[in-house]
Amino acid sequence: MKQLISRPAVRPSSALALCVALLLAAILAMPAPAQAHDTLLSTDPVDGSTLETSPEEVTFTFSSDILDVSPLVRVSDEAGDEIAEIVPTVEGPTATATLDEPLAAGTYDIQWRVVSSDGHPIEGTLSLTVEQDPAVEELTAPSDGGGESAEGGGEESPQELPTATGDVAAQGEAETTAATDSPQDGGLSMPVLLGVLAVIVVGVVITVFVIMRRRD
């Protein structure tokens, strides 16, 4: 007779433990949720603003510190032509783009691109309108003060000439006097020097003569 081999029955508790273990393994194997990108909180000037004159810079403020990795700002005019490409300065959550030249009157699109703190690039566009040309601003600036200053400088120049001439003349007289006194000082000292030299020579001759007489 063949013996029947009985298989052990699986206990419910073991099956439950196996299911829990498989569920935990599946949860651990799931990828971690992606970190949210930084967002643009504000700009200066504000998007869509109308300015009387061109701004000197455009500032972007984000929700967190952005990475200083290849930031870029492009400025385009109404026709879509790019007129400036700027590398902004990044400090914490702020990126500042400085305009090298003022913008003429017109409407502009300013495209920006930075790298978020999670390492992903983010970008956007803002627009602004400038009402007044830089050339018009320079023409309306007051210039009378400068003209009067220039004329005043022209009038003062001839008045200073006599004083400068007098100083030069006085300096020339002083140099002439010094040059005249120098030879006179040398003339007074030369006879004294010759006299001393003559006395020395005479003394030497007399001494030699006396020594020769004593030898004879």
C-alpha atoms as a PDB file:
ATOM      1  CA  MET A   1       0.000   0.000   0.000  1.00  0.00           C
ATOM      2  CA  LYS A   2       1.179   3.467  -0.791  1.00  0.00           C
ATOM      3  CA  GLN A   3       1.523   5.762   2.086  1.00  0.00           C
ATOM      4  CA  LEU A   4      -0.115   9.108   1.704  1.00  0.00           C
ATOM      5  CA  ILE A   5       2.265  12.033   2.390  1.00  0.00           C
ATOM      6  CA  SER A   6       0.447  14.842   4.056  1.00  0.00           C
ATOM      7  CA  ARG A   7       1.640  18.436   3.502  1.00  0.00           C
ATOM      8  CA  PRO A   8       1.731  20.721   6.484  1.00  0.00           C
ATOM      9  CA  ALA A   9      -0.978  23.330   6.368  1.00  0.00           C
ATOM     10  CA  VAL A  10       0.027  26.977   6.142  1.00  0.00           C
ATOM     11  CA  ARG A  11      -0.906  28.813   9.242  1.00  0.00           C
ATOM     12  CA  PRO A  12      -2.846  32.071   8.834  1.00  0.00           C
ATOM     13  CA  SER A  13      -0.381  33.948  11.019  1.00  0.00           C
ATOM     14  CA  SER A  14       2.546  32.995   8.790  1.00  0.00           C
ATOM     15  CA  ALA A  15       0.690  34.117   5.677  1.00  0.00           C
ATOM     16  CA  LEU A  16      -0.130  37.446   7.282  1.00  0.00           C
ATOM     17  CA  ALA A  17       3.503  38.000   8.278  1.00  0.00           C
ATOM     18  CA  LEU A  18       4.612  37.200   4.730  1.00  0.00           C
ATOM     19  CA  CYS A  19       2.149  39.715   3.273  1.00  0.00           C
ATOM     20  CA  VAL A  20       3.301  42.434   5.665  1.00  0.00           C
ATOM     21  CA  ALA A  21       6.940  41.781   4.758  1.00  0.00           C
ATOM     22  CA  LEU A  22       6.182  41.985   1.022  1.00  0.00           C
ATOM     23  CA  LEU A  23       4.241  45.239   1.543  1.00  0.00           C
ATOM     24  CA  LEU A  24       7.103  46.844   3.473  1.00  0.00           C
ATOM     25  CA  ALA A  25       9.566  45.768   0.798  1.00  0.00           C
ATOM     26  CA  ALA A  26       7.382  47.339  -1.892  1.00  0.00           C
ATOM     27  CA  ILE A  27       7.107  50.604   0.059  1.00  0.00           C
ATOM     28  CA  LEU A  28      10.857  50.803   0.574  1.00  0.00           C
ATOM     29  CA  ALA A  29      11.463  50.136  -3.110  1.00  0.00           C
ATOM     30  CA  MET A  30       9.270  53.052  -4.185  1.00  0.00           C
ATOM     31  CA  PRO A  31      11.193  56.179  -5.323  1.00  0.00           C
ATOM     32  CA  ALA A  32      11.273  59.130  -2.962  1.00  0.00           C
ATOM     33  CA  PRO A  33       8.907  61.970  -3.876  1.00  0.00           C
ATOM     34  CA  ALA A  34      10.526  64.739  -5.889  1.00  0.00           C
ATOM     35  CA  GLN A  35      11.403  67.948  -4.058  1.00  0.00           C
ATOM     36  CA  ALA A  36       9.298  70.941  -5.061  1.00  0.00           C
ATOM     37  CA  HIS A  37      10.984  73.553  -7.251  1.00  0.00           C
ATOM     38  CA  ASP A  38      11.603  77.070  -5.953  1.00  0.00           C
ATOM     39  CA  THR A  39       9.064  79.654  -7.081  1.00  0.00           C
ATOM     40  CA  LEU A  40       9.405  83.314  -8.027  1.00  0.00           C
ATOM     41  CA  LEU A  41       7.876  85.454  -5.281  1.00  0.00           C
ATOM     42  CA  SER A  42       8.388  88.984  -6.619  1.00  0.00           C
ATOM     43  CA  THR A  43      10.272  91.164  -9.112  1.00  0.00           C
ATOM     44  CA  ASP A  44      11.427  94.764  -9.094  1.00  0.00           C
ATOM     45  CA  PRO A  45      10.091  96.331 -11.307  1.00  0.00           C
ATOM     46  CA  VAL A  46       6.791  94.454 -11.031  1.00  0.00           C
ATOM     47  CA  ASP A  47       5.615  92.434 -14.024  1.00  0.00           C
ATOM     48  CA  GLY A  48       3.517  94.616 -16.353  1.00  0.00           C
ATOM     49  CA  SER A  49       4.591  97.911 -14.755  1.00  0.00           C
ATOM     50  CA  THR A  50       5.011 101.183 -16.670  1.00  0.00           C
ATOM     51  CA  LEU A  51       8.060 103.268 -15.778  1.00  0.00           C
ATOM     52  CA  GLU A  52       8.830 106.873 -16.616  1.00  0.00           C
ATOM     53  CA  THR A  53      12.515 106.120 -17.230  1.00  0.00           C
ATOM     54  CA  SER A  54      14.579 102.987 -17.694  1.00  0.00           C
ATOM     55  CA  PRO A  55      15.446 100.995 -14.547  1.00  0.00           C
ATOM     56  CA  GLU A  56      19.112 100.496 -13.691  1.00  0.00           C
ATOM     57  CA  GLU A  57      18.550  96.846 -12.693  1.00  0.00           C
ATOM     58  CA  VAL A  58      15.918  94.119 -12.466  1.00  0.00           C
ATOM     59  CA  THR A  59      15.696  92.050  -9.257  1.00  0.00           C
ATOM     60  CA  PHE A  60      14.125  88.582  -8.896  1.00  0.00           C
ATOM     61  CA  THR A  61      13.279  87.162  -5.445  1.00  0.00           C
ATOM     62  CA  PHE A  62      12.570  83.412  -5.059  1.00  0.00           C
ATOM     63  CA  SER A  63      11.089  81.246  -2.315  1.00  0.00           C
ATOM     64  CA  SER A  64      14.469  79.707  -1.398  1.00  0.00           C
ATOM     65  CA  ASP A  65      18.187  80.156  -2.012  1.00  0.00           C
ATOM     66  CA  ILE A  66      18.833  79.428  -5.679  1.00  0.00           C
ATOM     67  CA  LEU A  67      22.042  77.955  -7.081  1.00  0.00           C
ATOM     68  CA  ASP A  68      24.594  80.222  -8.730  1.00  0.00           C
ATOM     69  CA  VAL A  69      24.775  77.972 -11.789  1.00  0.00           C
ATOM     70  CA  SER A  70      24.507  79.590 -15.254  1.00  0.00           C
ATOM     71  CA  PRO A  71      21.856  82.228 -14.411  1.00  0.00           C
ATOM     72  CA  LEU A  72      20.744  84.225 -17.440  1.00  0.00           C
ATOM     73  CA  VAL A  73      18.489  87.197 -18.266  1.00  0.00           C
ATOM     74  CA  ARG A  74      17.559  88.243 -21.822  1.00  0.00           C
ATOM     75  CA  VAL A  75      15.874  91.533 -22.768  1.00  0.00           C
ATOM     76  CA  SER A  76      13.859  91.719 -26.026  1.00  0.00           C
ATOM     77  CA  ASP A  77      12.056  94.685 -27.585  1.00  0.00           C
ATOM     78  CA  GLU A  78       8.549  94.839 -29.057  1.00  0.00           C
ATOM     79  CA  ALA A  79       9.734  93.318 -32.353  1.00  0.00           C
ATOM     80  CA  GLY A  80      11.167  90.323 -30.507  1.00  0.00           C
ATOM     81  CA  ASP A  81      14.777  91.324 -31.177  1.00  0.00           C
ATOM     82  CA  GLU A  82      17.183  90.570 -28.339  1.00  0.00           C
ATOM     83  CA  ILE A  83      18.905  93.773 -27.207  1.00  0.00           C
ATOM     84  CA  ALA A  84      20.713  92.569 -24.079  1.00  0.00           C
ATOM     85  CA  GLU A  85      21.937  89.333 -22.515  1.00  0.00           C
ATOM     86  CA  ILE A  86      22.860  89.667 -18.845  1.00  0.00           C
ATOM     87  CA  VAL A  87      24.411  87.298 -16.304  1.00  0.00           C
ATOM     88  CA  PRO A  88      22.688  88.264 -13.032  1.00  0.00           C
ATOM     89  CA  THR A  89      24.355  88.296  -9.629  1.00  0.00           C
ATOM     90  CA  VAL A  90      22.977  85.596  -7.298  1.00  0.00           C
ATOM     91  CA  GLU A  91      22.884  86.180  -3.536  1.00  0.00           C
ATOM     92  CA  GLY A  92      20.764  83.716  -1.564  1.00  0.00           C
ATOM     93  CA  PRO A  93      17.183  83.817  -2.909  1.00  0.00           C
ATOM     94  CA  THR A  94      17.817  86.967  -4.986  1.00  0.00           C
ATOM     95  CA  ALA A  95      19.118  87.373  -8.543  1.00  0.00           C
ATOM     96  CA  THR A  96      19.974  90.909  -9.754  1.00  0.00           C
ATOM     97  CA  ALA A  97      20.435  91.772 -13.434  1.00  0.00           C
ATOM     98  CA  THR A  98      22.173  95.127 -14.004  1.00  0.00           C
ATOM     99  CA  LEU A  99      21.464  96.951 -17.290  1.00  0.00           C
ATOM    100  CA  ASP A 100      24.661  98.228 -18.894  1.00  0.00           C
ATOM    101  CA  GLU A 101      22.730 100.775 -20.992  1.00  0.00           C
ATOM    102  CA  PRO A 102      19.351 102.426 -20.263  1.00  0.00           C
ATOM    103  CA  LEU A 103      16.326 101.208 -22.202  1.00  0.00           C
ATOM    104  CA  ALA A 104      14.712 103.483 -24.775  1.00  0.00           C
ATOM    105  CA  ALA A 105      10.989 104.205 -24.730  1.00  0.00           C
ATOM    106  CA  GLY A 106       9.002 101.063 -25.514  1.00  0.00           C
ATOM    107  CA  THR A 107       7.733  97.741 -24.175  1.00  0.00           C
ATOM    108  CA  TYR A 108      10.167  94.946 -23.302  1.00  0.00           C
ATOM    109  CA  ASP A 109      10.006  91.244 -22.460  1.00  0.00           C
ATOM    110  CA  ILE A 110      12.549  90.102 -19.874  1.00  0.00           C
ATOM    111  CA  GLN A 111      13.198  86.353 -19.881  1.00  0.00           C
ATOM    112  CA  TRP A 112      14.966  84.856 -16.869  1.00  0.00           C
ATOM    113  CA  ARG A 113      16.407  81.434 -16.094  1.00  0.00           C
ATOM    114  CA  VAL A 114      18.002  80.195 -12.851  1.00  0.00           C
ATOM    115  CA  VAL A 115      18.686  76.857 -11.165  1.00  0.00           C
ATOM    116  CA  SER A 116      16.414  75.951  -8.253  1.00  0.00           C
ATOM    117  CA  SER A 117      17.805  74.735  -4.931  1.00  0.00           C
ATOM    118  CA  ASP A 118      16.793  71.185  -5.922  1.00  0.00           C
ATOM    119  CA  GLY A 119      19.080  71.368  -8.943  1.00  0.00           C
ATOM    120  CA  HIS A 120      16.360  71.832 -11.594  1.00  0.00           C
ATOM    121  CA  PRO A 121      16.319  74.916 -13.877  1.00  0.00           C
ATOM    122  CA  ILE A 122      13.308  77.211 -13.654  1.00  0.00           C
ATOM    123  CA  GLU A 123      12.445  80.092 -15.971  1.00  0.00           C
ATOM    124  CA  GLY A 124       9.848  82.720 -16.742  1.00  0.00           C
ATOM    125  CA  THR A 125       9.120  86.061 -18.436  1.00  0.00           C
ATOM    126  CA  LEU A 126       8.037  89.487 -17.259  1.00  0.00           C
ATOM    127  CA  SER A 127       7.223  92.621 -19.243  1.00  0.00           C
ATOM    128  CA  LEU A 128       7.616  96.319 -18.572  1.00  0.00           C
ATOM    129  CA  THR A 129       7.127  99.581 -20.443  1.00  0.00           C
ATOM    130  CA  VAL A 130       9.446 102.611 -20.497  1.00  0.00           C
ATOM    131  CA  GLU A 131       7.797 105.930 -21.383  1.00  0.00           C
ATOM    132  CA  GLN A 132      10.773 108.283 -21.821  1.00  0.00           C
ATOM    133  CA  ASP A 133      13.967 107.996 -23.894  1.00  0.00           C
ATOM    134  CA  PRO A 134      17.313 108.569 -22.156  1.00  0.00           C
ATOM    135  CA  ALA A 135      18.181 111.246 -24.771  1.00  0.00           C
ATOM    136  CA  VAL A 136      15.039 113.247 -23.877  1.00  0.00           C
ATOM    137  CA  GLU A 137      15.946 113.031 -20.186  1.00  0.00           C
ATOM    138  CA  GLU A 138      19.416 114.478 -20.868  1.00  0.00           C
ATOM    139  CA  LEU A 139      18.001 117.362 -22.941  1.00  0.00           C
ATOM    140  CA  THR A 140      15.562 118.379 -20.208  1.00  0.00           C
ATOM    141  CA  ALA A 141      18.314 118.411 -17.539  1.00  0.00           C
ATOM    142  CA  PRO A 142      19.414 121.994 -16.507  1.00  0.00           C
ATOM    143  CA  SER A 143      22.732 123.066 -18.009  1.00  0.00           C
ATOM    144  CA  ASP A 144      22.974 126.830 -17.160  1.00  0.00           C
ATOM    145  CA  GLY A 145      25.080 126.208 -14.100  1.00  0.00           C
ATOM    146  CA  GLY A 146      27.734 124.442 -16.145  1.00  0.00           C
ATOM    147  CA  GLY A 147      27.828 127.240 -18.746  1.00  0.00           C
ATOM    148  CA  GLU A 148      28.265 129.940 -16.130  1.00  0.00           C
ATOM    149  CA  SER A 149      31.008 127.916 -14.512  1.00  0.00           C
ATOM    150  CA  ALA A 150      32.860 127.575 -17.793  1.00  0.00           C
ATOM    151  CA  GLU A 151      32.546 131.336 -18.526  1.00  0.00           C
ATOM    152  CA  GLY A 152      33.689 132.173 -15.020  1.00  0.00           C
ATOM    153  CA  GLY A 153      36.722 129.957 -15.506  1.00  0.00           C
ATOM    154  CA  GLY A 154      37.568 131.825 -18.744  1.00  0.00           C
ATOM    155  CA  GLU A 155      37.387 135.209 -16.997  1.00  0.00           C
ATOM    156  CA  GLU A 156      39.503 134.152 -14.038  1.00  0.00           C
ATOM    157  CA  SER A 157      42.341 132.852 -16.189  1.00  0.00           C
ATOM    158  CA  PRO A 158      43.626 136.300 -17.404  1.00  0.00           C
ATOM    159  CA  GLN A 159      43.493 137.651 -13.814  1.00  0.00           C
ATOM    160  CA  GLU A 160      45.825 134.939 -12.624  1.00  0.00           C
ATOM    161  CA  LEU A 161      48.406 135.591 -15.371  1.00  0.00           C
ATOM    162  CA  PRO A 162      50.037 138.704 -13.807  1.00  0.00           C
ATOM    163  CA  THR A 163      50.470 136.899 -10.512  1.00  0.00           C
ATOM    164  CA  ALA A 164      52.064 133.907 -12.203  1.00  0.00           C
ATOM    165  CA  THR A 165      54.287 136.249 -14.272  1.00  0.00           C
ATOM    166  CA  GLY A 166      55.364 138.127 -11.142  1.00  0.00           C
ATOM    167  CA  ASP A 167      56.241 134.871  -9.431  1.00  0.00           C
ATOM    168  CA  VAL A 168      58.289 133.757 -12.409  1.00  0.00           C
ATOM    169  CA  ALA A 169      60.097 137.118 -12.531  1.00  0.00           C
ATOM    170  CA  ALA A 170      60.867 136.993  -8.810  1.00  0.00           C
ATOM    171  CA  GLN A 171      62.165 133.457  -9.163  1.00  0.00           C
ATOM    172  CA  GLY A 172      64.349 134.528 -12.117  1.00  0.00           C
ATOM    173  CA  GLU A 173      65.830 137.442 -10.124  1.00  0.00           C
ATOM    174  CA  ALA A 174      66.613 135.116  -7.232  1.00  0.00           C
ATOM    175  CA  GLU A 175      68.376 132.654  -9.550  1.00  0.00           C
ATOM    176  CA  THR A 176      70.320 135.520 -11.203  1.00  0.00           C
ATOM    177  CA  THR A 177      71.431 136.842  -7.815  1.00  0.00           C
ATOM    178  CA  ALA A 178      72.538 133.390  -6.712  1.00  0.00           C
ATOM    179  CA  ALA A 179      74.482 132.894  -9.957  1.00  0.00           C
ATOM    180  CA  THR A 180      76.168 136.315  -9.548  1.00  0.00           C
ATOM    181  CA  ASP A 181      77.119 135.701  -5.903  1.00  0.00           C
ATOM    182  CA  SER A 182      78.645 132.310  -6.626  1.00  0.00           C
ATOM    183  CA  PRO A 183      81.665 133.596  -8.664  1.00  0.00           C
ATOM    184  CA  GLN A 184      82.296 136.361  -6.117  1.00  0.00           C
ATOM    185  CA  ASP A 185      82.543 133.849  -3.305  1.00  0.00           C
ATOM    186  CA  GLY A 186      85.001 131.793  -5.378  1.00  0.00           C
ATOM    187  CA  GLY A 187      87.130 134.948  -6.127  1.00  0.00           C
ATOM    188  CA  LEU A 188      87.542 135.815  -2.448  1.00  0.00           C
ATOM    189  CA  SER A 189      88.651 132.310  -1.477  1.00  0.00           C
ATOM    190  CA  MET A 190      91.202 131.856  -4.330  1.00  0.00           C
ATOM    191  CA  PRO A 191      93.857 134.420  -3.147  1.00  0.00           C
ATOM    192  CA  VAL A 192      93.770 133.001   0.342  1.00  0.00           C
ATOM    193  CA  LEU A 193      94.316 129.512  -1.055  1.00  0.00           C
ATOM    194  CA  LEU A 194      97.243 130.678  -3.218  1.00  0.00           C
ATOM    195  CA  GLY A 195      98.835 132.453  -0.275  1.00  0.00           C
ATOM    196  CA  VAL A 196      98.691 129.355   1.902  1.00  0.00           C
ATOM    197  CA  LEU A 197     100.168 127.265  -0.924  1.00  0.00           C
ATOM    198  CA  ALA A 198     103.016 129.768  -1.411  1.00  0.00           C
ATOM    199  CA  VAL A 199     103.876 129.709   2.307  1.00  0.00           C
ATOM    200  CA  ILE A 200     104.012 125.899   2.240  1.00  0.00           C
ATOM    201  CA  VAL A 201     106.277 125.863  -0.814  1.00  0.00           C
ATOM    202  CA  VAL A 202     108.638 128.455   0.698  1.00  0.00           C
ATOM    203  CA  GLY A 203     108.767 126.500   3.955  1.00  0.00           C
ATOM    204  CA  VAL A 204     109.660 123.304   2.130  1.00  0.00           C
ATOM    205  CA  VAL A 205     112.423 125.032   0.108  1.00  0.00           C
ATOM    206  CA  ILE A 206     113.956 126.588   3.254  1.00  0.00           C
ATOM    207  CA  THR A 207     113.874 123.263   5.073  1.00  0.00           C
ATOM    208  CA  VAL A 208     115.636 121.463   2.210  1.00  0.00           C
ATOM    209  CA  PHE A 209     118.266 124.223   1.981  1.00  0.00           C
ATOM    210  CA  VAL A 210     119.024 124.047   5.711  1.00  0.00           C
ATOM    211  CA  ILE A 211     119.383 120.249   5.638  1.00  0.00           C
ATOM    212  CA  MET A 212     121.841 120.442   2.699  1.00  0.00           C
ATOM    213  CA  ARG A 213     123.984 123.092   4.461  1.00  0.00           C
ATOM    214  CA  ARG A 214     124.292 120.927   7.570  1.00  0.00           C
ATOM    215  CA  ARG A 215     125.466 117.941   5.521  1.00  0.00           C
ATOM    216  CA  ASP A 216     128.210 120.066   3.912  1.00  0.00           C
END
